[in-house]
Amino acid sequence: MSDKPLSGKVGVVFGVANKRSIAWSIAQAWADAGARLILNYQNERLKAGVEELAASLGPDTAVAQCDLSSDDEIKSFFEFVKSKTDRLDLLAHCVAFAPREALDGRYVDTTREAFLLSHNISVYTLVAVARGAAPLFTNGGSMITLSFYGAEKVFPHYNVMGVAKASLEASVRYLAADLGAQKIRVNAISAGPVNTLAARGIAGFTDMLKYYSVRAPLGRSCELSEIGQTALFLGSDGSSGITGQVIYVDGGYQVVGM
């Protein structure tokens, strides 16, 4: 790939919250590769932090509020996007949530409310933003989301989030089928455990990192920058034949049986 493989491209990144988030690593990688970006913040409490990060990417980086649990705010956000650009080429969906109590104890004890909330925020929001963005992808492009191996295998304390990630990966395949005629590619990055503020909320996270260091072929999980570089590949023309896939960035852990 060239030094600026995304030069001239425009993208939106949902989920930047702080400089230790996967969304931020993707935004940095895309911006460094020449893309002009539009970021969202969920609410006023997060506005200043996201604006500060956006400013570090350059003066052309735009920011607007969008709480993805609100269809009205999603609609307003894409109206804002249309005021900034006549097309999109890239979209990163880096949003997930489950109530803390649903990540403790047994999955069988998950409440209906926790199940619906986790699927609404972690899965349906991808469908909602893909639908909102698709008309702007007038020249095709790339949409990506974030998954985890807990979608396939049972991880302690992951519970309903693992089930939501399985639904997310199925949604990637169905969206890829829907949007392929528009030359829009839809893929997921399944990252290994990485030291983000969100990950620290999962009980046993430190033990998970240690286990990856013992079992993964590369002797480790992954770095935020490596996830960003994978997103750069998936956003570039170098991945033009790839859609509907889950790309693992986990030190090879996913291939190990025993």
Protein backbone atom coordinates (compact mmCIF):
# COMPACT_ATOMS: atom_id res chain seq x y z
CA MET A 1 0.00 0.00 0.00
CA SER A 2 1.08 3.60 -0.57
CA ASP A 3 2.04 5.95 2.26
CA LYS A 4 -1.46 7.45 2.17
CA PRO A 5 -3.72 4.59 1.03
CA LEU A 6 -6.88 6.36 2.23
CA SER A 7 -6.09 9.73 0.67
CA GLY A 8 -9.29 11.41 -0.51
CA LYS A 9 -11.55 9.07 1.46
CA VAL A 10 -14.07 10.19 4.08
CA GLY A 11 -15.13 8.11 7.06
CA VAL A 12 -17.19 8.09 10.23
CA VAL A 13 -16.01 6.46 13.45
CA PHE A 14 -18.54 5.65 16.17
CA GLY A 15 -17.35 4.96 19.70
CA VAL A 16 -14.27 7.09 20.33
CA ALA A 17 -14.34 7.70 24.08
CA ASN A 18 -10.71 8.10 25.14
CA LYS A 19 -7.17 7.61 23.86
CA ARG A 20 -7.08 4.01 25.15
CA SER A 21 -10.07 2.88 23.08
CA ILE A 22 -9.98 0.66 20.01
CA ALA A 23 -12.11 3.23 18.19
CA TRP A 24 -9.37 5.80 18.70
CA SER A 25 -6.69 3.47 17.35
CA ILE A 26 -8.81 3.02 14.22
CA ALA A 27 -9.43 6.76 13.88
CA GLN A 28 -5.70 7.44 14.18
CA ALA A 29 -4.79 4.79 11.61
CA TRP A 30 -7.36 6.06 9.12
CA ALA A 31 -6.42 9.70 9.61
CA ASP A 32 -2.70 8.97 9.32
CA ALA A 33 -3.46 7.18 6.04
CA GLY A 34 -5.10 10.29 4.62
CA ALA A 35 -8.79 9.89 5.45
CA ARG A 36 -10.94 12.81 6.59
CA LEU A 37 -13.05 11.74 9.56
CA ILE A 38 -16.26 12.56 11.37
CA LEU A 39 -16.58 11.34 14.96
CA ASN A 40 -19.54 11.04 17.31
CA TYR A 41 -19.84 11.58 21.03
CA GLN A 42 -22.64 9.99 23.02
CA ASN A 43 -23.56 12.91 25.27
CA GLU A 44 -22.40 16.24 26.69
CA ARG A 45 -20.29 14.52 29.34
CA LEU A 46 -18.07 13.01 26.63
CA LYS A 47 -18.13 15.96 24.24
CA ALA A 48 -15.02 17.82 25.38
CA GLY A 49 -12.84 14.72 25.43
CA VAL A 50 -13.86 13.64 21.93
CA GLU A 51 -13.43 17.16 20.57
CA GLU A 52 -9.90 17.29 22.01
CA LEU A 53 -8.98 13.98 20.40
CA ALA A 54 -10.57 15.01 17.09
CA ALA A 55 -8.55 18.24 17.05
CA SER A 56 -5.34 16.21 17.25
CA LEU A 57 -6.26 14.53 13.96
CA GLY A 58 -6.37 17.84 12.14
CA PRO A 59 -8.69 20.80 11.58
CA ASP A 60 -10.86 18.95 9.04
CA THR A 61 -12.05 16.39 11.62
CA ALA A 62 -15.70 17.03 12.49
CA VAL A 63 -17.57 16.01 15.64
CA ALA A 64 -21.28 15.72 16.41
CA GLN A 65 -23.47 14.21 19.10
CA CYS A 66 -25.05 10.84 18.39
CA ASP A 67 -26.41 8.54 21.05
CA LEU A 68 -26.82 5.35 19.05
CA SER A 69 -29.73 4.20 21.22
CA SER A 70 -31.79 6.97 19.60
CA ASP A 71 -33.04 6.66 16.02
CA ASP A 72 -33.67 10.40 15.98
CA GLU A 73 -30.07 11.17 16.92
CA ILE A 74 -28.78 8.75 14.28
CA LYS A 75 -30.91 10.54 11.70
CA SER A 76 -29.65 13.94 12.86
CA PHE A 77 -26.06 12.73 12.83
CA PHE A 78 -26.23 11.67 9.20
CA GLU A 79 -27.85 14.98 8.30
CA PHE A 80 -24.77 16.57 9.88
CA VAL A 81 -22.54 14.24 7.87
CA LYS A 82 -24.31 15.29 4.67
CA SER A 83 -23.57 18.92 5.54
CA LYS A 84 -19.86 18.06 5.64
CA THR A 85 -19.48 15.70 2.69
CA ASP A 86 -21.39 14.38 -0.31
CA ARG A 87 -20.15 10.84 0.19
CA LEU A 88 -18.68 8.33 2.64
CA ASP A 89 -16.11 5.62 2.01
CA LEU A 90 -15.48 4.27 5.52
CA LEU A 91 -17.44 3.45 8.66
CA ALA A 92 -16.22 2.01 11.95
CA HIS A 93 -18.75 0.81 14.52
CA CYS A 94 -16.98 0.43 17.88
CA VAL A 95 -19.89 0.36 20.29
CA ALA A 96 -20.94 -2.30 22.80
CA PHE A 97 -22.57 -2.43 26.21
CA ALA A 98 -23.96 -4.88 28.74
CA PRO A 99 -24.99 -4.11 32.33
CA ARG A 100 -22.21 -4.92 34.78
CA GLU A 101 -24.41 -7.34 36.72
CA ALA A 102 -25.01 -9.35 33.53
CA LEU A 103 -21.27 -10.06 33.29
CA ASP A 104 -21.15 -11.71 36.72
CA GLY A 105 -22.59 -15.02 37.76
CA ARG A 106 -24.30 -17.37 35.31
CA TYR A 107 -25.52 -16.62 31.80
CA VAL A 108 -28.73 -18.53 32.59
CA ASP A 109 -29.59 -15.81 35.11
CA THR A 110 -29.47 -13.01 32.53
CA THR A 111 -32.56 -10.83 32.82
CA ARG A 112 -34.75 -10.02 29.86
CA GLU A 113 -33.89 -6.34 30.29
CA ALA A 114 -30.12 -6.99 30.24
CA PHE A 115 -30.43 -9.29 27.22
CA LEU A 116 -32.41 -6.76 25.19
CA LEU A 117 -30.22 -3.83 26.21
CA SER A 118 -26.97 -5.57 25.31
CA HIS A 119 -28.30 -6.62 21.91
CA ASN A 120 -29.77 -3.20 21.21
CA ILE A 121 -26.53 -1.33 21.89
CA SER A 122 -24.00 -3.95 20.76
CA VAL A 123 -25.77 -5.29 17.66
CA TYR A 124 -28.75 -3.31 16.44
CA THR A 125 -26.74 -0.09 16.39
CA LEU A 126 -24.57 -1.57 13.63
CA VAL A 127 -27.69 -2.23 11.57
CA ALA A 128 -28.99 1.27 12.27
CA VAL A 129 -25.81 3.12 11.31
CA ALA A 130 -25.26 0.92 8.25
CA ARG A 131 -28.75 1.80 7.05
CA GLY A 132 -28.17 5.48 7.72
CA ALA A 133 -24.78 5.55 6.03
CA ALA A 134 -25.42 3.32 3.02
CA PRO A 135 -26.99 6.03 0.80
CA LEU A 136 -23.80 8.08 1.19
CA PHE A 137 -21.56 5.21 0.06
CA THR A 138 -22.05 6.23 -3.56
CA ASN A 139 -18.76 4.71 -4.69
CA GLY A 140 -18.76 1.64 -2.48
CA GLY A 141 -16.52 1.39 0.54
CA SER A 142 -15.86 -0.41 3.80
CA MET A 143 -17.79 -0.82 7.04
CA ILE A 144 -16.19 -2.54 10.02
CA THR A 145 -17.25 -3.50 13.52
CA LEU A 146 -15.55 -5.08 16.55
CA SER A 147 -16.10 -8.59 17.84
CA PHE A 148 -14.37 -10.99 20.25
CA TYR A 149 -13.73 -14.75 20.39
CA GLY A 150 -16.39 -14.95 23.10
CA ALA A 151 -18.83 -15.00 20.17
CA GLU A 152 -17.63 -18.56 19.43
CA LYS A 153 -16.38 -19.97 22.71
CA VAL A 154 -17.36 -19.53 26.34
CA PHE A 155 -15.29 -17.03 28.33
CA PRO A 156 -15.84 -16.55 32.06
CA HIS A 157 -17.69 -13.33 32.89
CA TYR A 158 -18.47 -12.58 29.23
CA ASN A 159 -21.96 -14.09 29.37
CA VAL A 160 -24.59 -12.10 27.47
CA MET A 161 -21.92 -10.05 25.68
CA GLY A 162 -20.65 -13.24 24.05
CA VAL A 163 -24.15 -13.98 22.79
CA ALA A 164 -24.47 -10.40 21.54
CA LYS A 165 -21.14 -10.68 19.69
CA ALA A 166 -22.37 -13.88 18.02
CA SER A 167 -25.40 -11.94 16.81
CA LEU A 168 -23.12 -9.12 15.69
CA GLU A 169 -21.03 -11.50 13.57
CA ALA A 170 -24.20 -12.90 11.98
CA SER A 171 -25.31 -9.33 11.26
CA VAL A 172 -21.99 -8.70 9.50
CA ARG A 173 -22.74 -11.55 7.12
CA TYR A 174 -26.30 -10.46 6.43
CA LEU A 175 -25.28 -6.83 5.94
CA ALA A 176 -22.50 -7.92 3.59
CA ALA A 177 -25.09 -9.77 1.53
CA ASP A 178 -27.48 -6.81 1.54
CA LEU A 179 -24.93 -4.13 0.69
CA GLY A 180 -22.63 -5.99 -1.67
CA ALA A 181 -24.59 -4.79 -4.69
CA GLN A 182 -23.54 -1.25 -3.70
CA LYS A 183 -19.91 -2.40 -3.52
CA ILE A 184 -20.00 -1.87 0.25
CA ARG A 185 -17.90 -4.37 2.17
CA VAL A 186 -18.82 -5.27 5.76
CA ASN A 187 -16.35 -7.06 8.02
CA ALA A 188 -15.56 -7.54 11.71
CA ILE A 189 -12.27 -7.43 13.56
CA SER A 190 -12.15 -9.95 16.41
CA ALA A 191 -9.44 -8.55 18.66
CA GLY A 192 -7.86 -10.44 21.50
CA PRO A 193 -7.97 -8.92 24.97
CA VAL A 194 -6.34 -5.50 24.94
CA ASN A 195 -5.87 -3.08 27.80
CA THR A 196 -8.70 -0.60 27.31
CA LEU A 197 -10.85 1.06 29.98
CA ALA A 198 -13.83 -0.99 28.80
CA ALA A 199 -11.93 -4.27 29.08
CA ARG A 200 -10.87 -3.50 32.63
CA GLY A 201 -14.53 -3.73 33.59
CA ILE A 202 -14.55 -7.46 32.83
CA ALA A 203 -13.75 -9.57 35.88
CA GLY A 204 -10.67 -11.71 35.38
CA PHE A 205 -9.34 -9.59 32.51
CA THR A 206 -5.75 -9.72 33.82
CA ASP A 207 -5.93 -13.50 34.01
CA MET A 208 -7.18 -13.56 30.41
CA LEU A 209 -4.15 -11.59 29.25
CA LYS A 210 -1.85 -14.00 31.07
CA TYR A 211 -3.58 -17.00 29.48
CA TYR A 212 -3.13 -15.55 26.00
CA SER A 213 0.56 -15.06 26.73
CA VAL A 214 0.84 -18.79 27.45
CA ARG A 215 -1.47 -20.26 24.80
CA ALA A 216 -1.38 -17.91 21.77
CA PRO A 217 1.16 -18.90 19.08
CA LEU A 218 2.71 -15.42 19.20
CA GLY A 219 2.91 -15.55 22.97
CA ARG A 220 0.63 -12.55 23.42
CA SER A 221 -2.70 -11.04 22.47
CA CYS A 222 -2.46 -7.81 20.44
CA GLU A 223 -1.76 -4.09 20.65
CA LEU A 224 -4.17 -1.26 19.93
CA SER A 225 -1.97 -0.16 17.03
CA GLU A 226 -2.25 -3.61 15.43
CA ILE A 227 -6.04 -3.39 15.51
CA GLY A 228 -5.79 0.04 13.90
CA GLN A 229 -3.55 -1.31 11.15
CA THR A 230 -5.99 -4.15 10.45
CA ALA A 231 -8.77 -1.57 10.16
CA LEU A 232 -6.54 0.36 7.76
CA PHE A 233 -6.17 -2.74 5.60
CA LEU A 234 -9.93 -3.40 5.66
CA GLY A 235 -10.59 0.23 4.73
CA SER A 236 -8.12 0.23 1.86
CA ASP A 237 -8.42 -1.04 -1.69
CA GLY A 238 -6.07 -3.85 -0.67
CA SER A 239 -9.04 -5.65 0.88
CA SER A 240 -11.42 -5.00 -2.02
CA GLY A 241 -12.30 -8.68 -2.36
CA ILE A 242 -13.08 -9.30 1.33
CA THR A 243 -16.56 -8.99 2.82
CA GLY A 244 -18.70 -10.74 5.41
CA GLN A 245 -15.62 -11.96 7.28
CA VAL A 246 -14.33 -11.97 10.85
CA ILE A 247 -10.61 -11.12 10.91
CA TYR A 248 -8.81 -12.27 14.07
CA VAL A 249 -6.14 -10.05 15.59
CA ASP A 250 -5.32 -12.11 18.66
CA GLY A 251 -1.79 -13.47 18.42
CA GLY A 252 -3.22 -16.62 16.84
CA TYR A 253 -5.15 -17.68 19.94
CA GLN A 254 -8.25 -18.56 17.91
CA VAL A 255 -6.50 -21.42 16.08
CA VAL A 256 -5.34 -23.26 19.22
CA GLY A 257 -7.25 -26.29 20.47
CA MET A 258 -4.92 -27.68 23.12
